C-alpha atoms as a PDB file:
ATOM      1  CA  MET A   1      32.593 -14.105-121.379  1.00  0.00           C
ATOM      2  CA  PRO A   2      35.823 -15.688-120.784  1.00  0.00           C
ATOM      3  CA  VAL A   3      37.325 -16.456-117.103  1.00  0.00           C
ATOM      4  CA  PRO A   4      40.817 -14.783-117.141  1.00  0.00           C
ATOM      5  CA  ILE A   5      43.608 -16.929-116.820  1.00  0.00           C
ATOM      6  CA  ASN A   6      47.276 -16.110-114.973  1.00  0.00           C
ATOM      7  CA  ASP A   7      49.903 -17.976-116.236  1.00  0.00           C
ATOM      8  CA  ILE A   8      52.606 -18.315-113.457  1.00  0.00           C
ATOM      9  CA  GLN A   9      55.773 -20.498-113.436  1.00  0.00           C
ATOM     10  CA  PHE A  10      55.954 -21.235-109.235  1.00  0.00           C
ATOM     11  CA  ASP A  11      59.841 -21.652-109.231  1.00  0.00           C
ATOM     12  CA  GLN A  12      60.425 -18.265-109.966  1.00  0.00           C
ATOM     13  CA  GLY A  13      58.915 -17.572-106.622  1.00  0.00           C
ATOM     14  CA  THR A  14      55.688 -16.591-104.760  1.00  0.00           C
ATOM     15  CA  PRO A  15      53.244 -14.804-107.052  1.00  0.00           C
ATOM     16  CA  GLN A  16      53.515 -10.953-106.856  1.00  0.00           C
ATOM     17  CA  GLN A  17      50.455  -8.863-105.053  1.00  0.00           C
ATOM     18  CA  GLY A  18      47.512  -9.258-107.413  1.00  0.00           C
ATOM     19  CA  ASP A  19      48.257 -12.797-108.693  1.00  0.00           C
ATOM     20  CA  THR A  20      45.599 -15.070-106.874  1.00  0.00           C
ATOM     21  CA  PHE A  21      46.615 -18.762-106.365  1.00  0.00           C
ATOM     22  CA  ILE A  22      43.570 -21.190-105.590  1.00  0.00           C
ATOM     23  CA  ASN A  23      44.591 -24.394-103.795  1.00  0.00           C
ATOM     24  CA  ASP A  24      43.305 -26.883-106.127  1.00  0.00           C
ATOM     25  CA  GLY A  25      43.333 -29.952-103.183  1.00  0.00           C
ATOM     26  CA  PRO A  26      45.008 -31.022-100.286  1.00  0.00           C
ATOM     27  CA  SER A  27      48.953 -30.748-100.138  1.00  0.00           C
ATOM     28  CA  GLY A  28      51.855 -31.454 -97.880  1.00  0.00           C
ATOM     29  CA  GLY A  29      53.072 -30.346 -94.393  1.00  0.00           C
ATOM     30  CA  GLY A  30      53.721 -26.407 -94.771  1.00  0.00           C
ATOM     31  CA  GLY A  31      52.272 -23.169 -92.902  1.00  0.00           C
ATOM     32  CA  GLY A  32      48.830 -23.303 -91.646  1.00  0.00           C
ATOM     33  CA  GLY A  33      45.389 -22.429 -93.730  1.00  0.00           C
ATOM     34  CA  ILE A  34      42.108 -21.381 -93.138  1.00  0.00           C
ATOM     35  CA  SER A  35      39.684 -24.293 -91.978  1.00  0.00           C
ATOM     36  CA  THR A  36      36.051 -24.130 -93.778  1.00  0.00           C
ATOM     37  CA  GLY A  37      34.662 -26.573 -91.315  1.00  0.00           C
ATOM     38  CA  GLY A  38      31.461 -25.832 -89.387  1.00  0.00           C
ATOM     39  CA  THR A  39      31.149 -25.194 -85.400  1.00  0.00           C
ATOM     40  CA  GLY A  40      31.662 -28.036 -83.520  1.00  0.00           C
ATOM     41  CA  THR A  41      28.320 -30.057 -82.472  1.00  0.00           C
ATOM     42  CA  GLY A  42      27.725 -32.905 -80.109  1.00  0.00           C
ATOM     43  CA  THR A  43      30.278 -34.757 -77.807  1.00  0.00           C
ATOM     44  CA  GLY A  44      33.549 -35.287 -78.777  1.00  0.00           C
ATOM     45  CA  GLY A  45      34.649 -31.912 -79.820  1.00  0.00           C
ATOM     46  CA  GLY A  46      34.143 -32.967 -83.565  1.00  0.00           C
ATOM     47  CA  GLY A  47      33.023 -30.376 -86.319  1.00  0.00           C
ATOM     48  CA  ILE A  48      30.702 -30.698 -88.854  1.00  0.00           C
ATOM     49  CA  SER A  49      32.041 -29.324 -92.290  1.00  0.00           C
ATOM     50  CA  THR A  50      30.260 -28.480 -95.535  1.00  0.00           C
ATOM     51  CA  PRO A  51      31.827 -30.303 -98.266  1.00  0.00           C
ATOM     52  CA  THR A  52      32.296 -28.365-101.736  1.00  0.00           C
ATOM     53  CA  PRO A  53      30.021 -29.599-104.687  1.00  0.00           C
ATOM     54  CA  VAL A  54      31.901 -32.546-106.622  1.00  0.00           C
ATOM     55  CA  SER A  55      32.688 -30.398-109.963  1.00  0.00           C
ATOM     56  CA  SER A  56      32.401 -32.408-113.075  1.00  0.00           C
ATOM     57  CA  ASN A  57      34.985 -31.556-115.875  1.00  0.00           C
ATOM     58  CA  LEU A  58      32.807 -33.235-118.876  1.00  0.00           C
ATOM     59  CA  PHE A  59      29.474 -32.362-119.650  1.00  0.00           C
ATOM     60  CA  ILE A  60      27.408 -34.526-121.582  1.00  0.00           C
ATOM     61  CA  PHE A  61      24.269 -33.546-123.380  1.00  0.00           C
ATOM     62  CA  ASN A  62      21.221 -35.622-124.636  1.00  0.00           C
ATOM     63  CA  ILE A  63      19.878 -34.020-127.767  1.00  0.00           C
ATOM     64  CA  SER A  64      16.288 -34.619-128.667  1.00  0.00           C
ATOM     65  CA  SER A  65      13.734 -32.948-130.781  1.00  0.00           C
ATOM     66  CA  ASN A  66      10.264 -33.394-132.240  1.00  0.00           C
ATOM     67  CA  GLU A  67      11.896 -34.561-135.791  1.00  0.00           C
ATOM     68  CA  THR A  68      13.823 -37.288-135.476  1.00  0.00           C
ATOM     69  CA  SER A  69      16.652 -36.279-138.012  1.00  0.00           C
ATOM     70  CA  PHE A  70      18.670 -32.682-137.341  1.00  0.00           C
ATOM     71  CA  THR A  71      22.035 -31.223-137.323  1.00  0.00           C
ATOM     72  CA  THR A  72      23.140 -29.935-134.150  1.00  0.00           C
ATOM     73  CA  THR A  73      25.652 -27.191-134.069  1.00  0.00           C
ATOM     74  CA  VAL A  74      28.100 -25.927-131.514  1.00  0.00           C
ATOM     75  CA  ASN A  75      28.991 -22.011-131.708  1.00  0.00           C
ATOM     76  CA  GLY A  76      27.568 -22.749-135.362  1.00  0.00           C
ATOM     77  CA  GLN A  77      29.914 -25.472-135.866  1.00  0.00           C
ATOM     78  CA  PRO A  78      28.345 -28.793-136.560  1.00  0.00           C
ATOM     79  CA  VAL A  79      29.542 -31.770-134.165  1.00  0.00           C
ATOM     80  CA  GLY A  80      29.897 -35.369-135.123  1.00  0.00           C
ATOM     81  CA  ASP A  81      27.079 -36.731-133.040  1.00  0.00           C
ATOM     82  CA  ASN A  82      23.655 -34.998-133.034  1.00  0.00           C
ATOM     83  CA  LYS A  83      21.782 -36.697-130.475  1.00  0.00           C
ATOM     84  CA  ARG A  84      25.075 -36.428-127.786  1.00  0.00           C
ATOM     85  CA  ILE A  85      27.399 -34.004-127.806  1.00  0.00           C
ATOM     86  CA  ARG A  86      30.879 -33.490-124.981  1.00  0.00           C
ATOM     87  CA  ILE A  87      31.772 -30.165-123.593  1.00  0.00           C
ATOM     88  CA  THR A  88      34.977 -29.855-121.387  1.00  0.00           C
ATOM     89  CA  LYS A  89      34.985 -27.378-118.363  1.00  0.00           C
ATOM     90  CA  GLU A  90      38.376 -26.047-119.469  1.00  0.00           C
ATOM     91  CA  SER A  91      37.077 -25.024-123.161  1.00  0.00           C
ATOM     92  CA  LEU A  92      34.759 -23.021-121.250  1.00  0.00           C
ATOM     93  CA  THR A  93      37.283 -20.723-120.479  1.00  0.00           C
ATOM     94  CA  LYS A  94      37.925 -19.867-123.637  1.00  0.00           C
ATOM     95  CA  GLU A  95      34.615 -18.820-124.866  1.00  0.00           C
ATOM     96  CA  ASN A  96      30.795 -19.769-124.030  1.00  0.00           C
ATOM     97  CA  LYS A  97      28.943 -22.479-125.908  1.00  0.00           C
ATOM     98  CA  LYS A  98      25.466 -21.799-127.740  1.00  0.00           C
ATOM     99  CA  ILE A  99      23.907 -25.113-128.680  1.00  0.00           C
ATOM    100  CA  GLU A 100      21.469 -25.335-131.471  1.00  0.00           C
ATOM    101  CA  ILE A 101      19.590 -27.579-133.838  1.00  0.00           C
ATOM    102  CA  LYS A 102      18.585 -27.081-137.302  1.00  0.00           C
ATOM    103  CA  LYS A 103      16.768 -28.880-140.198  1.00  0.00           C
ATOM    104  CA  ASN A 104      16.046 -27.782-144.004  1.00  0.00           C
ATOM    105  CA  GLY A 105      12.364 -26.719-143.725  1.00  0.00           C
ATOM    106  CA  PHE A 106      12.118 -26.108-140.459  1.00  0.00           C
ATOM    107  CA  PHE A 107      12.817 -23.561-137.871  1.00  0.00           C
ATOM    108  CA  THR A 108      13.348 -22.849-133.860  1.00  0.00           C
ATOM    109  CA  GLY A 109      14.120 -20.256-132.303  1.00  0.00           C
ATOM    110  CA  GLU A 110      15.412 -22.617-129.174  1.00  0.00           C
ATOM    111  CA  TYR A 111      18.864 -22.510-127.950  1.00  0.00           C
ATOM    112  CA  TYR A 112      21.263 -22.768-124.965  1.00  0.00           C
ATOM    113  CA  ILE A 113      23.956 -21.255-123.658  1.00  0.00           C
ATOM    114  CA  LEU A 114      26.487 -23.088-121.632  1.00  0.00           C
ATOM    115  CA  GLU A 115      29.082 -20.843-119.456  1.00  0.00           C
ATOM    116  CA  LEU A 116      31.536 -20.538-116.750  1.00  0.00           C
ATOM    117  CA  VAL A 117      30.908 -18.214-114.329  1.00  0.00           C
ATOM    118  CA  ASN A 118      33.460 -15.535-113.982  1.00  0.00           C
ATOM    119  CA  ASP A 119      33.158 -15.220-109.766  1.00  0.00           C
ATOM    120  CA  GLY A 120      36.066 -12.632-110.225  1.00  0.00           C
ATOM    121  CA  ILE A 121      38.999 -14.933-109.188  1.00  0.00           C
ATOM    122  CA  PRO A 122      41.408 -15.613-112.238  1.00  0.00           C
ATOM    123  CA  LEU A 123      42.458 -19.122-112.694  1.00  0.00           C
ATOM    124  CA  ILE A 124      45.884 -20.201-112.358  1.00  0.00           C
ATOM    125  CA  LYS A 125      48.354 -21.579-114.915  1.00  0.00           C
ATOM    126  CA  ASN A 126      51.109 -23.294-114.299  1.00  0.00           C
ATOM    127  CA  THR A 127      53.437 -24.701-117.231  1.00  0.00           C
ATOM    128  CA  LEU A 128      55.310 -26.959-114.582  1.00  0.00           C
ATOM    129  CA  ILE A 129      52.885 -29.307-114.133  1.00  0.00           C
ATOM    130  CA  GLY A 130      51.192 -29.622-117.349  1.00  0.00           C
ATOM    131  CA  ASN A 131      49.204 -26.715-118.124  1.00  0.00           C
ATOM    132  CA  LYS A 132      46.507 -27.754-115.516  1.00  0.00           C
ATOM    133  CA  LEU A 133      44.015 -24.658-114.498  1.00  0.00           C
ATOM    134  CA  LEU A 134      44.299 -24.455-110.638  1.00  0.00           C
ATOM    135  CA  GLY A 135      41.069 -22.937-109.328  1.00  0.00           C
ATOM    136  CA  ILE A 136      38.827 -24.265-112.272  1.00  0.00           C
ATOM    137  CA  ASP A 137      37.040 -27.175-110.030  1.00  0.00           C
ATOM    138  CA  THR A 138      35.690 -24.263-107.671  1.00  0.00           C
ATOM    139  CA  LYS A 139      33.811 -22.726-110.563  1.00  0.00           C
ATOM    140  CA  ASP A 140      30.503 -22.880-111.446  1.00  0.00           C
ATOM    141  CA  VAL A 141      28.755 -24.253-114.705  1.00  0.00           C
ATOM    142  CA  VAL A 142      25.566 -22.393-115.834  1.00  0.00           C
ATOM    143  CA  LEU A 143      22.978 -23.575-118.414  1.00  0.00           C
ATOM    144  CA  THR A 144      20.431 -20.930-120.101  1.00  0.00           C
ATOM    145  CA  LYS A 145      17.824 -21.746-122.454  1.00  0.00           C
ATOM    146  CA  TYR A 146      16.434 -19.429-124.680  1.00  0.00           C
ATOM    147  CA  ASN A 147      13.448 -19.320-127.309  1.00  0.00           C
ATOM    148  CA  ASN A 148      13.613 -16.076-129.696  1.00  0.00           C
ATOM    149  CA  ASP A 149      16.281 -14.579-127.718  1.00  0.00           C
ATOM    150  CA  GLU A 150      14.605 -14.505-124.542  1.00  0.00           C
ATOM    151  CA  VAL A 151      15.522 -16.557-121.596  1.00  0.00           C
ATOM    152  CA  VAL A 152      13.214 -19.631-120.604  1.00  0.00           C
ATOM    153  CA  GLY A 153      12.774 -20.032-117.024  1.00  0.00           C
ATOM    154  CA  LEU A 154      15.782 -19.877-114.874  1.00  0.00           C
ATOM    155  CA  PRO A 155      19.483 -20.519-115.533  1.00  0.00           C
ATOM    156  CA  GLN A 156      20.569 -24.140-114.092  1.00  0.00           C
ATOM    157  CA  SER A 157      23.693 -24.570-112.315  1.00  0.00           C
ATOM    158  CA  ILE A 158      25.030 -28.255-113.531  1.00  0.00           C
ATOM    159  CA  ARG A 159      28.533 -28.052-112.042  1.00  0.00           C
ATOM    160  CA  SER A 160      27.945 -31.153-110.490  1.00  0.00           C
ATOM    161  CA  LYS A 161      25.949 -32.777-113.336  1.00  0.00           C
ATOM    162  CA  VAL A 162      27.639 -35.024-115.911  1.00  0.00           C
ATOM    163  CA  SER A 163      24.239 -35.436-118.290  1.00  0.00           C
ATOM    164  CA  SER A 164      21.731 -32.957-118.994  1.00  0.00           C
ATOM    165  CA  ASP A 165      19.165 -33.291-121.656  1.00  0.00           C
ATOM    166  CA  LEU A 166      18.036 -30.674-124.136  1.00  0.00           C
ATOM    167  CA  SER A 167      14.794 -30.923-125.772  1.00  0.00           C
ATOM    168  CA  PHE A 168      14.001 -28.776-129.258  1.00  0.00           C
ATOM    169  CA  LYS A 169      10.895 -28.118-130.672  1.00  0.00           C
ATOM    170  CA  LEU A 170      11.157 -27.672-134.752  1.00  0.00           C
ATOM    171  CA  VAL A 171       8.445 -26.032-136.965  1.00  0.00           C
ATOM    172  CA  LYS A 172       7.824 -26.582-140.602  1.00  0.00           C
ATOM    173  CA  THR A 173       8.340 -23.707-142.578  1.00  0.00           C
ATOM    174  CA  GLY A 174       6.495 -22.688-145.924  1.00  0.00           C
ATOM    175  CA  GLY A 175       9.327 -21.543-148.253  1.00  0.00           C
ATOM    176  CA  SER A 176      11.502 -18.758-146.923  1.00  0.00           C
ATOM    177  CA  ASP A 177       8.855 -17.595-144.077  1.00  0.00           C
ATOM    178  CA  ILE A 178       8.334 -18.975-140.888  1.00  0.00           C
ATOM    179  CA  TYR A 179       5.635 -21.662-140.907  1.00  0.00           C
ATOM    180  CA  GLU A 180       2.446 -20.305-138.789  1.00  0.00           C
ATOM    181  CA  GLU A 181      -0.746 -22.044-138.093  1.00  0.00           C
ATOM    182  CA  PRO A 182      -3.858 -20.142-140.146  1.00  0.00           C
ATOM    183  CA  ASN A 183      -6.146 -18.372-137.492  1.00  0.00           C
ATOM    184  CA  SER A 184      -9.582 -20.223-136.640  1.00  0.00           C
ATOM    185  CA  TYR A 185     -12.872 -18.681-136.535  1.00  0.00           C
ATOM    186  CA  GLN A 186     -16.367 -20.280-135.141  1.00  0.00           C
ATOM    187  CA  VAL A 187     -19.743 -19.783-136.766  1.00  0.00           C
ATOM    188  CA  LYS A 188     -23.160 -20.513-134.520  1.00  0.00           C
ATOM    189  CA  ILE A 189     -25.807 -22.521-136.171  1.00  0.00           C
ATOM    190  CA  ASN A 190     -29.480 -22.417-134.477  1.00  0.00           C
ATOM    191  CA  VAL A 191     -31.656 -25.279-135.825  1.00  0.00           C
ATOM    192  CA  SER A 192     -35.015 -25.896-135.373  1.00  0.00           C
ATOM    193  CA  GLY A 193     -37.508 -28.459-136.405  1.00  0.00           C
ATOM    194  CA  LYS A 194     -37.519 -32.167-136.635  1.00  0.00           C
ATOM    195  CA  GLY A 195     -34.746 -34.413-137.379  1.00  0.00           C
ATOM    196  CA  SER A 196     -32.066 -33.059-139.559  1.00  0.00           C
ATOM    197  CA  PRO A 197     -33.416 -30.057-141.598  1.00  0.00           C
ATOM    198  CA  VAL A 198     -30.227 -28.860-142.350  1.00  0.00           C
ATOM    199  CA  SER A 199     -27.178 -29.703-144.196  1.00  0.00           C
ATOM    200  CA  VAL A 200     -23.937 -28.300-143.934  1.00  0.00           C
ATOM    201  CA  LEU A 201     -21.234 -28.941-147.058  1.00  0.00           C
ATOM    202  CA  LYS A 202     -17.785 -27.361-146.390  1.00  0.00           C
ATOM    203  CA  ASN A 203     -15.776 -25.734-149.326  1.00  0.00           C
ATOM    204  CA  GLY A 204     -18.691 -27.298-151.278  1.00  0.00           C
ATOM    205  CA  ASN A 205     -17.033 -31.117-151.145  1.00  0.00           C
ATOM    206  CA  LYS A 206     -20.307 -33.518-150.476  1.00  0.00           C
ATOM    207  CA  SER A 207     -17.586 -35.955-148.883  1.00  0.00           C
ATOM    208  CA  ALA A 208     -17.447 -33.025-145.948  1.00  0.00           C
ATOM    209  CA  GLU A 209     -21.331 -32.699-145.868  1.00  0.00           C
ATOM    210  CA  PHE A 210     -22.739 -32.519-141.965  1.00  0.00           C
ATOM    211  CA  PHE A 211     -25.844 -32.684-140.437  1.00  0.00           C
ATOM    212  CA  PRO A 212     -25.983 -29.896-137.361  1.00  0.00           C
ATOM    213  CA  GLU A 213     -28.172 -31.112-134.337  1.00  0.00           C
ATOM    214  CA  ILE A 214     -31.456 -29.531-133.247  1.00  0.00           C
ATOM    215  CA  GLY A 215     -30.613 -26.701-131.126  1.00  0.00           C
ATOM    216  CA  ASN A 216     -27.439 -24.485-130.922  1.00  0.00           C
ATOM    217  CA  ASN A 217     -24.647 -25.536-132.808  1.00  0.00           C
ATOM    218  CA  THR A 218     -20.891 -24.053-132.675  1.00  0.00           C
ATOM    219  CA  TYR A 219     -18.632 -25.442-135.528  1.00  0.00           C
ATOM    220  CA  GLU A 220     -15.010 -24.210-135.866  1.00  0.00           C
ATOM    221  CA  ASP A 221     -12.756 -24.304-138.788  1.00  0.00           C
ATOM    222  CA  VAL A 222      -9.424 -22.235-140.218  1.00  0.00           C
ATOM    223  CA  GLU A 223      -9.526 -19.122-141.852  1.00  0.00           C
ATOM    224  CA  GLY A 224     -10.520 -19.701-145.783  1.00  0.00           C
ATOM    225  CA  THR A 225     -13.371 -22.050-145.122  1.00  0.00           C
ATOM    226  CA  SER A 226     -16.424 -21.719-146.637  1.00  0.00           C
END
């Protein structure tokens, strides 16, 4: 679900209790802050800090399928480039993005959901600095694949990735029904004698005739074969 945004103009004074301000980067002089550096190690009294991973504000998705042509949609709306789409991090504050592909005569139950993780800390929008969303750089972005509404694998954090590959499998349909592979069955043939004493015709077709070898043979074919 969308991350809450607080609309605050900072020239009106300090945010009231309950409002959250996230410093998006280094600021000028002023009061003290809380250090994120780790415990100093080695000589010289230096400290080792763990930097926050670089967060991308634009995500590019390369779309591929077992079919060469298809239509890509985001939240049900066709996109301009079916093989490559771009989604901004800011757009995820309004709604999650569902990425799908479609093709006439084909079906796929696969889709991807892209979402901005709501960690409970609202974003701050200050209209005095171009509606910049303070705190968005610290938010995680997660990509999850689904097949027939079931999660496939584990959700992936892509906050520091600019480009990701999304693959889909399209299955040909028969009419309005989803195409399914026919059942297959096996028949065992035990042949005795010499040479090739037994001839087998598939569906009575002379061009599909074959001669099982002497001994035990296993033949497999689809349902409905005679």
